[in-house]
N, C-alpha and C. Protein backbone atom coordinates (compact mmCIF):
# COMPACT_ATOMS: atom_id res chain seq x y z
N MET A 1 15.75 69.50 47.51
CA MET A 1 15.90 69.06 47.27
C MET A 1 17.49 68.98 46.92
N THR A 2 18.26 67.39 46.71
CA THR A 2 19.25 67.24 46.37
C THR A 2 19.56 66.25 44.83
N ARG A 3 20.45 66.46 44.16
CA ARG A 3 20.51 65.82 43.14
C ARG A 3 20.98 64.09 43.56
N LEU A 4 20.69 63.50 43.22
CA LEU A 4 21.52 62.27 42.75
C LEU A 4 22.47 62.03 42.20
N PRO A 5 23.53 61.59 43.00
CA PRO A 5 24.99 61.45 41.74
C PRO A 5 24.88 60.58 40.64
N LEU A 6 25.25 60.84 39.43
CA LEU A 6 25.05 59.88 37.97
C LEU A 6 26.27 58.51 38.31
N GLN A 7 25.54 57.22 37.65
CA GLN A 7 25.90 56.38 37.87
C GLN A 7 26.96 56.40 37.05
N ARG A 8 28.49 55.50 36.61
CA ARG A 8 29.29 55.43 35.80
C ARG A 8 29.08 54.74 35.08
N THR A 9 28.48 54.93 34.01
CA THR A 9 28.14 54.10 33.17
C THR A 9 29.56 54.05 31.36
N ARG A 10 29.10 53.78 30.37
CA ARG A 10 29.85 54.25 29.42
C ARG A 10 29.59 55.61 28.89
N PHE A 11 28.43 56.11 28.80
CA PHE A 11 27.48 57.14 28.14
C PHE A 11 28.09 58.23 29.19
N ASP A 12 27.90 58.42 30.27
CA ASP A 12 28.21 59.09 31.50
C ASP A 12 29.97 59.59 31.30
N ARG A 13 30.64 58.51 30.78
CA ARG A 13 31.90 58.45 30.65
C ARG A 13 32.32 59.29 29.34
N LEU A 14 31.57 58.70 28.75
CA LEU A 14 32.01 59.77 27.20
C LEU A 14 31.30 60.98 27.37
N GLN A 15 30.67 61.34 27.65
CA GLN A 15 29.78 62.97 28.57
C GLN A 15 31.20 63.27 28.79
N ARG A 16 31.69 62.85 30.27
CA ARG A 16 33.12 63.52 30.46
C ARG A 16 34.13 63.65 29.64
N ARG A 17 34.20 62.79 29.36
CA ARG A 17 35.53 62.77 28.43
C ARG A 17 35.60 63.94 26.82
N LEU A 18 34.11 63.85 26.47
CA LEU A 18 34.03 65.26 25.72
C LEU A 18 33.52 66.37 25.86
N GLY A 19 33.39 66.83 27.36
CA GLY A 19 33.11 68.09 28.02
C GLY A 19 34.33 68.58 28.17
N ASP A 20 35.41 67.52 28.89
CA ASP A 20 36.83 67.58 29.24
C ASP A 20 37.46 68.09 28.31
N GLN A 21 37.15 67.65 26.95
CA GLN A 21 38.20 68.02 25.57
C GLN A 21 37.50 69.19 25.10
N LEU A 22 36.35 69.52 24.95
CA LEU A 22 35.41 70.90 24.87
C LEU A 22 35.73 72.47 25.67
N LEU A 23 36.03 72.12 26.83
CA LEU A 23 36.09 72.98 27.49
C LEU A 23 37.80 72.97 28.53
N GLY A 24 38.49 72.65 27.72
CA GLY A 24 40.13 71.95 28.01
C GLY A 24 40.72 73.30 27.78
N GLY A 25 40.48 74.03 26.85
CA GLY A 25 41.12 74.80 26.38
C GLY A 25 40.31 76.27 27.50
N VAL A 26 39.46 76.33 28.05
CA VAL A 26 38.94 76.88 28.72
C VAL A 26 39.35 76.94 29.98
N ARG A 27 39.58 76.14 30.60
CA ARG A 27 39.93 75.86 32.12
C ARG A 27 41.22 75.93 32.01
N GLY A 28 42.09 76.28 33.19
CA GLY A 28 43.23 76.41 33.60
C GLY A 28 43.70 78.02 33.95
N SER A 29 45.08 78.38 33.77
CA SER A 29 45.23 79.61 34.38
C SER A 29 45.04 80.53 33.16
N TRP A 30 45.26 81.90 33.43
CA TRP A 30 45.39 82.96 32.55
C TRP A 30 46.43 83.05 31.65
N ARG A 31 47.17 82.76 32.30
CA ARG A 31 48.57 82.53 30.96
C ARG A 31 48.12 81.34 30.07
N ARG A 32 47.84 80.20 30.54
CA ARG A 32 47.32 79.09 29.40
C ARG A 32 46.60 79.46 28.32
N ARG A 33 45.40 79.95 29.16
CA ARG A 33 44.40 80.35 28.03
C ARG A 33 45.10 81.21 27.23
N SER A 34 45.06 82.64 27.75
CA SER A 34 46.02 83.73 26.51
C SER A 34 47.21 83.25 25.80
N LEU A 35 47.52 82.72 26.20
CA LEU A 35 49.00 82.32 25.25
C LEU A 35 48.42 80.74 23.98
N SER A 36 47.11 80.56 24.49
CA SER A 36 46.54 79.40 23.67
C SER A 36 45.79 80.43 22.22
N VAL A 37 44.97 81.39 23.19
CA VAL A 37 44.25 82.41 22.04
C VAL A 37 45.41 83.01 21.29
N LEU A 38 46.21 83.56 21.92
CA LEU A 38 47.21 84.51 21.16
C LEU A 38 47.66 83.54 19.79
N ALA A 39 48.22 82.44 20.59
CA ALA A 39 48.93 81.32 19.49
C ALA A 39 47.89 81.08 18.03
N LEU A 40 46.97 80.55 18.47
CA LEU A 40 45.63 80.58 17.87
C LEU A 40 45.58 81.49 16.71
N LEU A 41 45.51 83.26 17.63
CA LEU A 41 45.66 84.53 16.02
C LEU A 41 46.49 84.40 15.42
N LEU A 42 47.90 84.38 15.62
CA LEU A 42 49.29 84.34 15.20
C LEU A 42 49.22 83.22 14.05
N GLY A 43 48.69 82.05 14.44
CA GLY A 43 48.64 81.16 13.91
C GLY A 43 47.67 81.74 11.96
N PHE A 44 46.56 82.10 12.43
CA PHE A 44 45.88 82.81 11.41
C PHE A 44 46.34 83.93 10.90
N TYR A 45 47.22 84.91 11.65
CA TYR A 45 47.59 85.99 10.84
C TYR A 45 48.96 85.36 9.56
N GLY A 46 49.72 84.53 10.69
CA GLY A 46 50.67 83.83 9.68
C GLY A 46 50.43 82.72 9.00
N GLY A 47 48.69 82.31 8.56
CA GLY A 47 48.80 81.83 7.60
C GLY A 47 48.09 82.51 6.46
N GLU A 48 47.66 84.02 6.61
CA GLU A 48 47.11 84.58 5.37
C GLU A 48 48.18 85.62 4.56
N ASN A 49 49.26 85.63 5.57
CA ASN A 49 50.07 86.60 4.97
C ASN A 49 51.09 85.29 4.78
N VAL A 50 51.72 84.07 4.79
CA VAL A 50 52.82 83.12 4.29
C VAL A 50 52.34 83.24 3.04
N THR A 51 50.49 82.64 3.23
CA THR A 51 50.01 81.75 1.93
C THR A 51 50.12 83.12 0.79
N ALA A 52 49.81 84.53 0.83
CA ALA A 52 50.04 85.37 0.40
C ALA A 52 51.60 85.81 -0.14
N LEU A 53 52.07 85.65 0.21
CA LEU A 53 53.75 86.23 0.27
C LEU A 53 54.50 84.64 -0.34
N TRP A 54 53.96 83.68 0.05
CA TRP A 54 54.14 82.54 -1.37
C TRP A 54 53.87 82.59 -2.42
N LEU A 55 52.57 83.22 -2.33
CA LEU A 55 52.16 82.71 -3.87
C LEU A 55 52.32 83.94 -4.69
N GLU A 56 52.83 85.06 -3.82
CA GLU A 56 53.61 86.23 -5.03
C GLU A 56 54.60 85.71 -5.55
N ARG A 57 55.25 85.12 -4.78
CA ARG A 57 56.88 84.45 -4.88
C ARG A 57 56.93 83.09 -5.85
N VAL A 58 56.24 82.49 -5.45
CA VAL A 58 56.57 81.16 -5.49
C VAL A 58 55.64 81.20 -7.07
N GLY A 59 54.43 81.28 -7.00
CA GLY A 59 53.67 81.82 -8.19
C GLY A 59 52.82 80.12 -8.57
N GLN A 60 53.03 79.44 -7.81
CA GLN A 60 52.18 78.09 -8.19
C GLN A 60 51.80 77.82 -6.89
N ARG A 61 50.03 77.76 -6.87
CA ARG A 61 49.38 77.22 -5.87
C ARG A 61 49.77 75.56 -5.34
N PRO A 62 49.83 75.18 -6.39
CA PRO A 62 50.07 73.37 -5.43
C PRO A 62 51.36 72.95 -4.91
N VAL A 63 52.36 74.15 -4.83
CA VAL A 63 53.85 73.99 -4.41
C VAL A 63 53.25 74.22 -3.51
N VAL A 64 52.82 75.62 -3.27
CA VAL A 64 52.74 76.48 -1.50
C VAL A 64 51.40 75.20 -0.67
N VAL A 65 50.33 74.71 -0.99
CA VAL A 65 49.81 73.77 -0.54
C VAL A 65 50.03 72.49 -0.28
N LEU A 66 50.98 71.84 -0.92
CA LEU A 66 51.47 70.81 -0.70
C LEU A 66 52.64 70.99 -0.06
N THR A 67 53.53 72.09 0.44
CA THR A 67 54.51 72.52 1.30
C THR A 67 53.64 72.79 2.43
N LEU A 68 53.06 73.42 2.70
CA LEU A 68 52.18 73.71 3.68
C LEU A 68 51.39 72.37 4.26
N VAL A 69 50.99 71.65 3.72
CA VAL A 69 50.31 70.16 4.49
C VAL A 69 51.33 69.15 4.56
N LEU A 70 52.48 68.92 4.37
CA LEU A 70 53.45 68.52 4.77
C LEU A 70 54.59 69.25 6.01
N LEU A 71 54.41 69.92 6.04
CA LEU A 71 54.46 70.75 7.21
C LEU A 71 53.97 70.22 8.27
N LEU A 72 52.32 70.51 7.93
CA LEU A 72 51.40 70.41 9.07
C LEU A 72 51.25 69.08 9.56
N GLU A 73 51.60 68.37 8.55
CA GLU A 73 51.44 66.69 8.62
C GLU A 73 52.90 66.32 9.82
N VAL A 74 53.74 66.70 9.35
CA VAL A 74 55.22 66.62 10.23
C VAL A 74 54.38 66.94 11.79
N VAL A 75 54.32 68.67 11.90
CA VAL A 75 53.86 68.90 13.46
C VAL A 75 53.02 67.50 14.06
N VAL A 76 51.42 67.25 13.05
CA VAL A 76 51.06 66.19 13.90
C VAL A 76 51.41 64.93 13.81
N ARG A 77 52.51 64.42 13.38
CA ARG A 77 53.22 63.14 13.67
C ARG A 77 53.91 62.97 14.75
N VAL A 78 55.30 64.29 14.70
CA VAL A 78 55.80 64.37 15.93
C VAL A 78 55.02 64.31 17.55
N ARG A 79 54.13 65.19 17.12
CA ARG A 79 53.10 65.50 18.49
C ARG A 79 52.56 64.19 18.88
N THR A 80 51.97 63.24 17.93
CA THR A 80 51.66 62.04 18.43
C THR A 80 52.42 61.21 19.10
N ARG A 81 53.91 61.16 18.24
CA ARG A 81 54.70 60.15 19.39
C ARG A 81 55.39 60.99 20.86
N VAL A 82 55.36 62.00 20.41
CA VAL A 82 55.94 62.55 21.62
C VAL A 82 55.20 62.68 22.91
N VAL A 83 53.75 63.43 22.41
CA VAL A 83 52.94 63.47 24.04
C VAL A 83 52.20 62.57 23.78
N ARG A 84 52.21 61.98 25.07
CA ARG A 84 51.06 60.93 25.63
C ARG A 84 50.03 61.59 26.10
N GLU A 85 49.85 61.53 27.12
CA GLU A 85 49.07 61.98 28.16
C GLU A 85 48.61 63.77 27.60
N GLN A 86 48.27 64.73 28.77
CA GLN A 86 47.89 65.83 29.01
C GLN A 86 49.25 66.69 27.77
N PRO A 87 49.55 67.66 27.07
CA PRO A 87 49.98 67.99 26.51
C PRO A 87 50.30 69.45 27.23
N GLY A 88 51.87 69.87 27.22
CA GLY A 88 52.33 70.82 27.88
C GLY A 88 51.97 72.35 27.33
N LEU A 89 51.93 73.47 27.79
CA LEU A 89 51.57 74.67 27.36
C LEU A 89 52.37 74.73 25.81
N GLY A 90 53.58 74.26 25.37
CA GLY A 90 53.96 74.61 24.06
C GLY A 90 53.67 73.70 23.00
N TRP A 91 52.71 72.53 23.64
CA TRP A 91 52.33 71.61 22.34
C TRP A 91 51.25 72.20 22.18
N VAL A 92 50.24 72.86 23.08
CA VAL A 92 48.77 73.22 22.60
C VAL A 92 48.89 74.63 21.87
N MET A 93 49.90 75.74 22.40
CA MET A 93 50.53 76.38 21.04
C MET A 93 50.46 76.02 19.44
N ALA A 94 51.44 75.07 19.77
CA ALA A 94 52.10 74.20 18.62
C ALA A 94 50.69 73.95 17.99
N ASP A 95 49.77 73.18 18.29
CA ASP A 95 47.95 73.28 17.84
C ASP A 95 47.49 74.52 17.53
N ASN A 96 47.68 75.13 18.29
CA ASN A 96 46.70 76.58 17.78
C ASN A 96 47.20 77.29 16.74
N LEU A 97 48.39 77.25 16.90
CA LEU A 97 49.53 78.10 15.63
C LEU A 97 49.11 76.99 14.35
N ARG A 98 49.06 75.95 14.20
CA ARG A 98 48.60 74.60 13.40
C ARG A 98 47.26 74.80 13.17
N LEU A 99 45.97 75.07 13.76
CA LEU A 99 44.57 75.51 14.13
C LEU A 99 44.28 76.65 13.14
N GLY A 100 44.90 77.74 13.27
CA GLY A 100 44.89 78.89 12.72
C GLY A 100 45.25 78.93 11.18
N LEU A 101 46.45 78.53 11.56
CA LEU A 101 47.21 78.37 9.81
C LEU A 101 45.92 77.71 8.83
N VAL A 102 45.65 76.19 9.16
CA VAL A 102 44.97 75.36 8.40
C VAL A 102 43.82 76.98 8.58
N TYR A 103 43.18 77.16 9.37
CA TYR A 103 41.78 77.59 9.38
C TYR A 103 42.15 79.41 8.04
N ALA A 104 43.19 79.67 7.92
CA ALA A 104 43.71 80.84 7.29
C ALA A 104 43.37 80.41 5.92
N VAL A 105 44.34 78.95 5.27
CA VAL A 105 44.10 78.36 4.23
C VAL A 105 43.02 78.29 3.87
N VAL A 106 41.93 77.46 4.55
CA VAL A 106 40.84 77.10 4.24
C VAL A 106 39.84 77.93 3.51
N LEU A 107 39.90 79.24 4.69
CA LEU A 107 39.72 80.60 4.29
C LEU A 107 40.02 81.48 2.55
N GLU A 108 41.22 81.07 3.17
CA GLU A 108 41.53 81.64 1.55
C GLU A 108 41.26 81.13 0.26
N ALA A 109 41.28 79.44 0.71
CA ALA A 109 40.69 78.97 -0.74
C ALA A 109 39.22 79.12 -1.29
N PHE A 110 38.24 79.40 -0.17
CA PHE A 110 36.72 79.77 -0.04
C PHE A 110 36.90 81.39 -0.78
N LYS A 111 37.52 81.75 -0.55
CA LYS A 111 37.57 83.26 -0.81
C LYS A 111 37.80 83.38 -2.41
N LEU A 112 38.82 82.96 -2.63
CA LEU A 112 39.47 82.54 -4.09
C LEU A 112 38.28 81.56 -4.92
N GLY A 113 37.81 80.96 -4.40
CA GLY A 113 36.77 80.11 -5.13
C GLY A 113 37.35 78.67 -5.46
N SER A 114 38.42 78.15 -5.03
CA SER A 114 38.96 77.29 -5.90
C SER A 114 38.57 75.87 -4.90
């Protein structure tokens, strides 16, 4: 028994687009996948250590958080202006570094209860 091909409806296009976005990090070469995961983990590690170091040196949490938010906003704005289609490996790594950093900062905020 053979499956009939799906019609090209708006719902089908939406499903394909969502599937490509969700599985985009899993597809590709080993080099691309391993560097993406490594960038995500390094972003998390950097977020944990940089926030702790900055909080110890600066001592004012709002200044540290404002600096990180501004830095991340600049990275997002530059990426959206430069990359229009499929991002290259460097931009994927920058995005994963950013995601790891944001996750670490949010996790630290939940741990501190603020």
